[in-house]
PDB file of all heavy atoms in Angstrom:
ATOM      1  N   MET A   1     161.483  73.637  76.888  1.00  0.00           N
ATOM      2  CA  MET A   1     160.933  74.132  75.626  1.00  0.00           C
ATOM      3  C   MET A   1     159.876  75.280  75.826  1.00  0.00           C
ATOM      4  O   MET A   1     159.892  76.368  75.218  1.00  0.00           O
ATOM      5  CB  MET A   1     160.539  73.130  74.666  1.00  0.00           C
ATOM      6  CG  MET A   1     160.346  73.527  73.164  1.00  0.00           C
ATOM      7  SD  MET A   1     158.927  74.522  72.840  1.00  0.00           S
ATOM      8  CE  MET A   1     157.523  73.334  73.204  1.00  0.00           C
ATOM      9  N   SER A   2     158.976  74.930  76.694  1.00  0.00           N
ATOM     10  CA  SER A   2     157.891  75.798  76.943  1.00  0.00           C
ATOM     11  C   SER A   2     158.234  77.043  77.783  1.00  0.00           C
ATOM     12  O   SER A   2     157.748  78.110  77.566  1.00  0.00           O
ATOM     13  CB  SER A   2     156.702  75.068  77.660  1.00  0.00           C
ATOM     14  OG  SER A   2     156.202  74.026  76.918  1.00  0.00           O
ATOM     15  N   TYR A   3     159.240  76.913  78.630  1.00  0.00           N
ATOM     16  CA  TYR A   3     159.672  77.891  79.496  1.00  0.00           C
ATOM     17  C   TYR A   3     160.035  79.216  78.766  1.00  0.00           C
ATOM     18  O   TYR A   3     159.561  80.339  79.155  1.00  0.00           O
ATOM     19  CB  TYR A   3     160.819  77.389  80.323  1.00  0.00           C
ATOM     20  CG  TYR A   3     161.375  78.455  81.303  1.00  0.00           C
ATOM     21  CD1 TYR A   3     160.866  78.691  82.530  1.00  0.00           C
ATOM     22  CD2 TYR A   3     162.476  79.266  80.849  1.00  0.00           C
ATOM     23  CE1 TYR A   3     161.395  79.576  83.369  1.00  0.00           C
ATOM     24  CE2 TYR A   3     163.087  80.198  81.777  1.00  0.00           C
ATOM     25  CZ  TYR A   3     162.446  80.366  83.030  1.00  0.00           C
ATOM     26  OH  TYR A   3     163.034  81.374  83.827  1.00  0.00           O
ATOM     27  N   GLN A   4     160.723  79.055  77.631  1.00  0.00           N
ATOM     28  CA  GLN A   4     161.156  80.231  76.931  1.00  0.00           C
ATOM     29  C   GLN A   4     159.998  81.098  76.431  1.00  0.00           C
ATOM     30  O   GLN A   4     160.122  82.363  76.251  1.00  0.00           O
ATOM     31  CB  GLN A   4     162.102  79.834  75.732  1.00  0.00           C
ATOM     32  CG  GLN A   4     161.331  78.985  74.714  1.00  0.00           C
ATOM     33  CD  GLN A   4     162.254  78.424  73.650  1.00  0.00           C
ATOM     34  OE1 GLN A   4     163.247  79.080  73.290  1.00  0.00           O
ATOM     35  NE2 GLN A   4     161.928  77.192  73.164  1.00  0.00           N
ATOM     36  N   TYR A   5     158.860  80.523  76.133  1.00  0.00           N
ATOM     37  CA  TYR A   5     157.707  81.222  75.746  1.00  0.00           C
ATOM     38  C   TYR A   5     156.791  81.737  76.855  1.00  0.00           C
ATOM     39  O   TYR A   5     155.898  82.570  76.584  1.00  0.00           O
ATOM     40  CB  TYR A   5     156.768  80.352  74.833  1.00  0.00           C
ATOM     41  CG  TYR A   5     157.440  79.827  73.582  1.00  0.00           C
ATOM     42  CD1 TYR A   5     157.801  78.429  73.491  1.00  0.00           C
ATOM     43  CD2 TYR A   5     157.739  80.678  72.505  1.00  0.00           C
ATOM     44  CE1 TYR A   5     158.574  78.016  72.387  1.00  0.00           C
ATOM     45  CE2 TYR A   5     158.403  80.226  71.454  1.00  0.00           C
ATOM     46  CZ  TYR A   5     158.863  78.889  71.341  1.00  0.00           C
ATOM     47  OH  TYR A   5     159.477  78.500  70.185  1.00  0.00           O
ATOM     48  N   LEU A   6     157.097  81.352  78.047  1.00  0.00           N
ATOM     49  CA  LEU A   6     156.235  81.671  79.129  1.00  0.00           C
ATOM     50  C   LEU A   6     156.890  82.571  80.219  1.00  0.00           C
ATOM     51  O   LEU A   6     156.268  82.963  81.213  1.00  0.00           O
ATOM     52  CB  LEU A   6     155.766  80.421  79.891  1.00  0.00           C
ATOM     53  CG  LEU A   6     154.833  79.564  79.030  1.00  0.00           C
ATOM     54  CD1 LEU A   6     154.630  78.170  79.722  1.00  0.00           C
ATOM     55  CD2 LEU A   6     153.482  80.204  78.861  1.00  0.00           C
ATOM     56  N   VAL A   7     158.113  82.966  80.000  1.00  0.00           N
ATOM     57  CA  VAL A   7     158.816  83.844  81.032  1.00  0.00           C
ATOM     58  C   VAL A   7     157.969  85.187  81.228  1.00  0.00           C
ATOM     59  O   VAL A   7     157.639  85.766  80.156  1.00  0.00           O
ATOM     60  CB  VAL A   7     160.185  84.182  80.540  1.00  0.00           C
ATOM     61  CG1 VAL A   7     160.791  85.228  81.460  1.00  0.00           C
ATOM     62  CG2 VAL A   7     161.085  82.919  80.616  1.00  0.00           C
ATOM     63  N   GLY A   8     157.566  85.515  82.383  1.00  0.00           N
ATOM     64  CA  GLY A   8     156.867  86.668  82.649  1.00  0.00           C
ATOM     65  C   GLY A   8     155.446  86.536  82.621  1.00  0.00           C
ATOM     66  O   GLY A   8     154.689  87.487  82.875  1.00  0.00           O
ATOM     67  N   ALA A   9     154.918  85.407  82.184  1.00  0.00           N
ATOM     68  CA  ALA A   9     153.465  85.097  82.030  1.00  0.00           C
ATOM     69  C   ALA A   9     152.899  84.817  83.408  1.00  0.00           C
ATOM     70  O   ALA A   9     153.554  84.431  84.348  1.00  0.00           O
ATOM     71  CB  ALA A   9     153.190  84.010  81.160  1.00  0.00           C
ATOM     72  N   THR A  10     151.530  84.938  83.463  1.00  0.00           N
ATOM     73  CA  THR A  10     150.712  84.649  84.732  1.00  0.00           C
ATOM     74  C   THR A  10     149.842  83.538  84.375  1.00  0.00           C
ATOM     75  O   THR A  10     149.103  83.512  83.375  1.00  0.00           O
ATOM     76  CB  THR A  10     149.976  85.910  85.135  1.00  0.00           C
ATOM     77  OG1 THR A  10     150.787  86.976  85.516  1.00  0.00           O
ATOM     78  CG2 THR A  10     149.020  85.524  86.347  1.00  0.00           C
ATOM     79  N   ILE A  11     149.905  82.401  85.212  1.00  0.00           N
ATOM     80  CA  ILE A  11     149.041  81.346  85.111  1.00  0.00           C
ATOM     81  C   ILE A  11     147.833  81.612  86.075  1.00  0.00           C
ATOM     82  O   ILE A  11     147.979  81.829  87.219  1.00  0.00           O
ATOM     83  CB  ILE A  11     149.688  79.970  85.486  1.00  0.00           C
ATOM     84  CG1 ILE A  11     150.984  79.841  84.721  1.00  0.00           C
ATOM     85  CG2 ILE A  11     148.699  78.843  85.356  1.00  0.00           C
ATOM     86  CD1 ILE A  11     150.940  79.972  83.380  1.00  0.00           C
ATOM     87  N   ASP A  12     146.678  81.619  85.528  1.00  0.00           N
ATOM     88  CA  ASP A  12     145.469  82.121  86.274  1.00  0.00           C
ATOM     89  C   ASP A  12     144.329  81.138  86.052  1.00  0.00           C
ATOM     90  O   ASP A  12     144.455  80.131  85.179  1.00  0.00           O
ATOM     91  CB  ASP A  12     145.019  83.463  85.725  1.00  0.00           C
ATOM     92  CG  ASP A  12     144.103  84.171  86.667  1.00  0.00           C
ATOM     93  OD1 ASP A  12     143.878  83.754  87.844  1.00  0.00           O
ATOM     94  OD2 ASP A  12     143.500  85.210  86.263  1.00  0.00           O
ATOM     95  N   TYR A  13     143.361  81.066  86.899  1.00  0.00           N
ATOM     96  CA  TYR A  13     142.192  80.251  86.780  1.00  0.00           C
ATOM     97  C   TYR A  13     141.024  81.258  86.678  1.00  0.00           C
ATOM     98  O   TYR A  13     140.843  82.073  87.638  1.00  0.00           O
ATOM     99  CB  TYR A  13     142.033  79.276  87.960  1.00  0.00           C
ATOM    100  CG  TYR A  13     140.856  78.371  87.826  1.00  0.00           C
ATOM    101  CD1 TYR A  13     140.920  77.341  86.952  1.00  0.00           C
ATOM    102  CD2 TYR A  13     139.738  78.640  88.524  1.00  0.00           C
ATOM    103  CE1 TYR A  13     139.798  76.459  86.810  1.00  0.00           C
ATOM    104  CE2 TYR A  13     138.567  77.811  88.425  1.00  0.00           C
ATOM    105  CZ  TYR A  13     138.667  76.711  87.579  1.00  0.00           C
ATOM    106  OH  TYR A  13     137.589  75.865  87.385  1.00  0.00           O
ATOM    107  N   GLN A  14     140.193  81.139  85.652  1.00  0.00           N
ATOM    108  CA  GLN A  14     139.071  82.055  85.515  1.00  0.00           C
ATOM    109  C   GLN A  14     137.800  81.229  85.320  1.00  0.00           C
ATOM    110  O   GLN A  14     137.687  80.282  84.785  1.00  0.00           O
ATOM    111  CB  GLN A  14     139.180  82.907  84.265  1.00  0.00           C
ATOM    112  CG  GLN A  14     140.467  83.842  84.368  1.00  0.00           C
ATOM    113  CD  GLN A  14     140.690  84.676  83.200  1.00  0.00           C
ATOM    114  OE1 GLN A  14     140.127  84.423  82.118  1.00  0.00           O
ATOM    115  NE2 GLN A  14     141.498  85.642  83.253  1.00  0.00           N
ATOM    116  N   GLU A  15     136.693  81.824  85.978  1.00  0.00           N
ATOM    117  CA  GLU A  15     135.369  81.269  85.828  1.00  0.00           C
ATOM    118  C   GLU A  15     134.509  82.315  85.141  1.00  0.00           C
ATOM    119  O   GLU A  15     134.462  83.517  85.566  1.00  0.00           O
ATOM    120  CB  GLU A  15     134.745  80.922  87.160  1.00  0.00           C
ATOM    121  CG  GLU A  15     135.436  79.792  87.841  1.00  0.00           C
ATOM    122  CD  GLU A  15     134.888  79.481  89.185  1.00  0.00           C
ATOM    123  OE1 GLU A  15     133.845  79.819  89.591  1.00  0.00           O
ATOM    124  OE2 GLU A  15     135.618  78.760  89.902  1.00  0.00           O
ATOM    125  N   GLY A  16     133.831  81.900  84.017  1.00  0.00           N
ATOM    126  CA  GLY A  16     133.063  82.920  83.230  1.00  0.00           C
ATOM    127  C   GLY A  16     131.950  82.267  82.467  1.00  0.00           C
ATOM    128  O   GLY A  16     131.643  81.089  82.684  1.00  0.00           O
ATOM    129  N   LEU A  17     131.374  82.985  81.573  1.00  0.00           N
ATOM    130  CA  LEU A  17     130.293  82.449  80.808  1.00  0.00           C
ATOM    131  C   LEU A  17     130.681  81.272  79.893  1.00  0.00           C
ATOM    132  O   LEU A  17     129.883  80.471  79.538  1.00  0.00           O
ATOM    133  CB  LEU A  17     129.698  83.562  79.848  1.00  0.00           C
ATOM    134  CG  LEU A  17     129.097  84.753  80.697  1.00  0.00           C
ATOM    135  CD1 LEU A  17     128.699  86.013  79.643  1.00  0.00           C
ATOM    136  CD2 LEU A  17     127.920  84.251  81.473  1.00  0.00           C
ATOM    137  N   GLN A  18     131.941  81.293  79.510  1.00  0.00           N
ATOM    138  CA  GLN A  18     132.466  80.253  78.603  1.00  0.00           C
ATOM    139  C   GLN A  18     132.944  79.101  79.406  1.00  0.00           C
ATOM    140  O   GLN A  18     133.597  78.204  78.860  1.00  0.00           O
ATOM    141  CB  GLN A  18     133.471  80.754  77.717  1.00  0.00           C
ATOM    142  CG  GLN A  18     133.079  81.818  76.690  1.00  0.00           C
ATOM    143  CD  GLN A  18     134.182  82.315  75.875  1.00  0.00           C
ATOM    144  OE1 GLN A  18     135.325  82.039  76.099  1.00  0.00           O
ATOM    145  NE2 GLN A  18     133.718  82.996  74.846  1.00  0.00           N
ATOM    146  N   GLY A  19     132.708  79.037  80.741  1.00  0.00           N
ATOM    147  CA  GLY A  19     133.113  77.883  81.552  1.00  0.00           C
ATOM    148  C   GLY A  19     134.319  78.293  82.451  1.00  0.00           C
ATOM    149  O   GLY A  19     134.803  79.451  82.480  1.00  0.00           O
ATOM    150  N   SER A  20     134.778  77.313  83.087  1.00  0.00           N
ATOM    151  CA  SER A  20     135.998  77.542  84.026  1.00  0.00           C
ATOM    152  C   SER A  20     137.215  76.943  83.442  1.00  0.00           C
ATOM    153  O   SER A  20     137.159  75.793  82.902  1.00  0.00           O
ATOM    154  CB  SER A  20     135.640  76.873  85.400  1.00  0.00           C
ATOM    155  OG  SER A  20     134.499  77.369  85.911  1.00  0.00           O
ATOM    156  N   GLN A  21     138.386  77.654  83.516  1.00  0.00           N
ATOM    157  CA  GLN A  21     139.519  77.078  82.923  1.00  0.00           C
ATOM    158  C   GLN A  21     140.794  77.706  83.353  1.00  0.00           C
ATOM    159  O   GLN A  21     140.733  78.897  83.908  1.00  0.00           O
ATOM    160  CB  GLN A  21     139.528  77.190  81.411  1.00  0.00           C
ATOM    161  CG  GLN A  21     139.457  78.639  80.931  1.00  0.00           C
ATOM    162  CD  GLN A  21     139.195  78.708  79.399  1.00  0.00           C
ATOM    163  OE1 GLN A  21     139.367  77.715  78.713  1.00  0.00           O
ATOM    164  NE2 GLN A  21     138.948  79.906  78.967  1.00  0.00           N
ATOM    165  N   PHE A  22     141.912  77.072  83.357  1.00  0.00           N
ATOM    166  CA  PHE A  22     143.213  77.658  83.556  1.00  0.00           C
ATOM    167  C   PHE A  22     143.568  78.436  82.332  1.00  0.00           C
ATOM    168  O   PHE A  22     143.304  78.072  81.201  1.00  0.00           O
ATOM    169  CB  PHE A  22     144.340  76.606  83.847  1.00  0.00           C
ATOM    170  CG  PHE A  22     144.127  75.937  85.157  1.00  0.00           C
ATOM    171  CD1 PHE A  22     143.582  74.763  85.262  1.00  0.00           C
ATOM    172  CD2 PHE A  22     144.652  76.557  86.292  1.00  0.00           C
ATOM    173  CE1 PHE A  22     143.461  74.130  86.457  1.00  0.00           C
ATOM    174  CE2 PHE A  22     144.549  75.988  87.583  1.00  0.00           C
ATOM    175  CZ  PHE A  22     143.951  74.714  87.639  1.00  0.00           C
ATOM    176  N   VAL A  23     144.137  79.699  82.511  1.00  0.00           N
ATOM    177  CA  VAL A  23     144.513  80.522  81.329  1.00  0.00           C
ATOM    178  C   VAL A  23     145.973  81.103  81.540  1.00  0.00           C
ATOM    179  O   VAL A  23     146.386  81.089  82.642  1.00  0.00           O
ATOM    180  CB  VAL A  23     143.566  81.694  81.089  1.00  0.00           C
ATOM    181  CG1 VAL A  23     142.171  81.118  80.711  1.00  0.00           C
ATOM    182  CG2 VAL A  23     143.499  82.567  82.341  1.00  0.00           C
ATOM    183  N   VAL A  24     146.551  81.509  80.448  1.00  0.00           N
ATOM    184  CA  VAL A  24     147.905  82.105  80.442  1.00  0.00           C
ATOM    185  C   VAL A  24     147.735  83.501  80.058  1.00  0.00           C
ATOM    186  O   VAL A  24     147.137  83.764  79.044  1.00  0.00           O
ATOM    187  CB  VAL A  24     148.839  81.313  79.596  1.00  0.00           C
ATOM    188  CG1 VAL A  24     150.186  82.089  79.511  1.00  0.00           C
ATOM    189  CG2 VAL A  24     149.048  79.965  79.977  1.00  0.00           C
ATOM    190  N   GLN A  25     148.137  84.434  80.815  1.00  0.00           N
ATOM    191  CA  GLN A  25     148.242  85.808  80.466  1.00  0.00           C
ATOM    192  C   GLN A  25     149.666  86.157  80.189  1.00  0.00           C
ATOM    193  O   GLN A  25     150.457  86.217  81.077  1.00  0.00           O
ATOM    194  CB  GLN A  25     147.655  86.786  81.597  1.00  0.00           C
ATOM    195  CG  GLN A  25     146.221  86.472  81.990  1.00  0.00           C
ATOM    196  CD  GLN A  25     145.736  87.090  83.235  1.00  0.00           C
ATOM    197  OE1 GLN A  25     146.626  87.629  83.963  1.00  0.00           O
ATOM    198  NE2 GLN A  25     144.539  86.967  83.509  1.00  0.00           N
ATOM    199  N   ASN A  26     149.959  86.260  78.833  1.00  0.00           N
ATOM    200  CA  ASN A  26     151.306  86.194  78.450  1.00  0.00           C
ATOM    201  C   ASN A  26     151.690  87.524  77.793  1.00  0.00           C
ATOM    202  O   ASN A  26     151.347  87.842  76.640  1.00  0.00           O
ATOM    203  CB  ASN A  26     151.589  85.112  77.375  1.00  0.00           C
ATOM    204  CG  ASN A  26     153.037  84.822  77.059  1.00  0.00           C
ATOM    205  OD1 ASN A  26     153.954  85.726  77.271  1.00  0.00           O
ATOM    206  ND2 ASN A  26     153.328  83.770  76.522  1.00  0.00           N
ATOM    207  N   PRO A  27     152.538  88.361  78.456  1.00  0.00           N
ATOM    208  CA  PRO A  27     152.979  89.639  77.876  1.00  0.00           C
ATOM    209  C   PRO A  27     153.852  89.580  76.680  1.00  0.00           C
ATOM    210  O   PRO A  27     154.084  90.523  75.929  1.00  0.00           O
ATOM    211  CB  PRO A  27     153.743  90.336  79.090  1.00  0.00           C
ATOM    212  CG  PRO A  27     154.276  89.227  79.844  1.00  0.00           C
ATOM    213  CD  PRO A  27     153.225  88.138  79.708  1.00  0.00           C
ATOM    214  N   ASN A  28     154.381  88.362  76.496  1.00  0.00           N
ATOM    215  CA  ASN A  28     155.325  88.068  75.365  1.00  0.00           C
ATOM    216  C   ASN A  28     154.531  87.854  73.959  1.00  0.00           C
ATOM    217  O   ASN A  28     155.133  87.903  72.850  1.00  0.00           O
ATOM    218  CB  ASN A  28     156.229  86.984  75.548  1.00  0.00           C
ATOM    219  CG  ASN A  28     156.981  87.127  76.824  1.00  0.00           C
ATOM    220  OD1 ASN A  28     157.669  88.275  77.061  1.00  0.00           O
ATOM    221  ND2 ASN A  28     157.084  86.280  77.704  1.00  0.00           N
ATOM    222  N   ALA A  29     153.276  87.504  74.096  1.00  0.00           N
ATOM    223  CA  ALA A  29     152.437  87.139  72.882  1.00  0.00           C
ATOM    224  C   ALA A  29     152.170  88.488  72.110  1.00  0.00           C
ATOM    225  O   ALA A  29     151.616  89.412  72.649  1.00  0.00           O
ATOM    226  CB  ALA A  29     151.228  86.468  73.357  1.00  0.00           C
ATOM    227  N   SER A  30     152.501  88.422  70.837  1.00  0.00           N
ATOM    228  CA  SER A  30     152.330  89.626  70.020  1.00  0.00           C
ATOM    229  C   SER A  30     150.925  89.668  69.521  1.00  0.00           C
ATOM    230  O   SER A  30     150.333  90.693  69.239  1.00  0.00           O
ATOM    231  CB  SER A  30     153.334  89.739  68.917  1.00  0.00           C
ATOM    232  OG  SER A  30     153.107  88.552  67.989  1.00  0.00           O
ATOM    233  N   SER A  31     150.190  88.448  69.447  1.00  0.00           N
ATOM    234  CA  SER A  31     148.846  88.368  69.087  1.00  0.00           C
ATOM    235  C   SER A  31     148.285  87.144  69.634  1.00  0.00           C
ATOM    236  O   SER A  31     148.988  86.196  69.796  1.00  0.00           O
ATOM    237  CB  SER A  31     148.587  88.477  67.457  1.00  0.00           C
ATOM    238  OG  SER A  31     149.142  87.353  66.917  1.00  0.00           O
ATOM    239  N   THR A  32     146.855  87.102  69.872  1.00  0.00           N
ATOM    240  CA  THR A  32     146.322  85.835  70.362  1.00  0.00           C
ATOM    241  C   THR A  32     145.081  85.668  69.479  1.00  0.00           C
ATOM    242  O   THR A  32     144.549  86.564  68.744  1.00  0.00           O
ATOM    243  CB  THR A  32     145.910  86.026  71.826  1.00  0.00           C
ATOM    244  OG1 THR A  32     145.033  87.158  71.872  1.00  0.00           O
ATOM    245  CG2 THR A  32     147.122  86.156  72.686  1.00  0.00           C
ATOM    246  N   CYS A  33     144.472  84.434  69.567  1.00  0.00           N
ATOM    247  CA  CYS A  33     143.254  84.206  68.837  1.00  0.00           C
ATOM    248  C   CYS A  33     142.049  84.648  69.750  1.00  0.00           C
ATOM    249  O   CYS A  33     142.236  85.035  70.870  1.00  0.00           O
ATOM    250  CB  CYS A  33     143.150  82.635  68.536  1.00  0.00           C
ATOM    251  SG  CYS A  33     143.058  81.685  69.904  1.00  0.00           S
ATOM    252  N   GLY A  34     140.888  84.614  69.247  1.00  0.00           N
ATOM    253  CA  GLY A  34     139.670  84.992  69.944  1.00  0.00           C
ATOM    254  C   GLY A  34     139.403  84.090  71.185  1.00  0.00           C
ATOM    255  O   GLY A  34     138.921  84.766  72.214  1.00  0.00           O
ATOM    256  N   CYS A  35     139.786  82.894  71.200  1.00  0.00           N
ATOM    257  CA  CYS A  35     139.455  82.011  72.317  1.00  0.00           C
ATOM    258  C   CYS A  35     140.583  82.171  73.454  1.00  0.00           C
ATOM    259  O   CYS A  35     140.387  81.696  74.526  1.00  0.00           O
ATOM    260  CB  CYS A  35     139.284  80.527  71.931  1.00  0.00           C
ATOM    261  SG  CYS A  35     140.889  79.839  71.300  1.00  0.00           S
ATOM    262  N   GLY A  36     141.719  82.726  72.994  1.00  0.00           N
ATOM    263  CA  GLY A  36     142.758  83.058  74.108  1.00  0.00           C
ATOM    264  C   GLY A  36     143.715  81.780  74.249  1.00  0.00           C
ATOM    265  O   GLY A  36     144.520  81.751  75.115  1.00  0.00           O
ATOM    266  N   SER A  37     143.422  80.674  73.565  1.00  0.00           N
ATOM    267  CA  SER A  37     144.274  79.513  73.765  1.00  0.00           C
ATOM    268  C   SER A  37     145.385  79.363  72.834  1.00  0.00           C
ATOM    269  O   SER A  37     146.321  78.538  73.073  1.00  0.00           O
ATOM    270  CB  SER A  37     143.460  78.235  73.729  1.00  0.00           C
ATOM    271  OG  SER A  37     142.944  78.005  72.440  1.00  0.00           O
ATOM    272  N   SER A  38     145.533  80.202  71.831  1.00  0.00           N
ATOM    273  CA  SER A  38     146.701  80.191  70.967  1.00  0.00           C
ATOM    274  C   SER A  38     147.342  81.620  70.785  1.00  0.00           C
ATOM    275  O   SER A  38     146.575  82.542  71.022  1.00  0.00           O
ATOM    276  CB  SER A  38     146.393  79.461  69.635  1.00  0.00           C
ATOM    277  OG  SER A  38     145.497  80.295  68.892  1.00  0.00           O
ATOM    278  N   PHE A  39     148.569  81.622  70.364  1.00  0.00           N
ATOM    279  CA  PHE A  39     149.239  82.900  70.404  1.00  0.00           C
ATOM    280  C   PHE A  39     150.314  82.919  69.421  1.00  0.00           C
ATOM    281  O   PHE A  39     150.820  81.919  68.932  1.00  0.00           O
ATOM    282  CB  PHE A  39     149.742  83.283  71.798  1.00  0.00           C
ATOM    283  CG  PHE A  39     150.859  82.398  72.257  1.00  0.00           C
ATOM    284  CD1 PHE A  39     152.157  82.702  72.187  1.00  0.00           C
ATOM    285  CD2 PHE A  39     150.548  81.130  72.790  1.00  0.00           C
ATOM    286  CE1 PHE A  39     153.280  81.910  72.645  1.00  0.00           C
ATOM    287  CE2 PHE A  39     151.473  80.262  73.286  1.00  0.00           C
ATOM    288  CZ  PHE A  39     152.888  80.669  73.255  1.00  0.00           C
TER     289      PHE A  39
END
């Protein structure tokens, strides 16, 4: 179910001011929220 939304995405790990976390860089997302965890 998740695969269809993630084709072409990059799974990354980032460390920054807001902490360290796994993130998804998804070219299929038409919009995202400010925190980057929803799309």
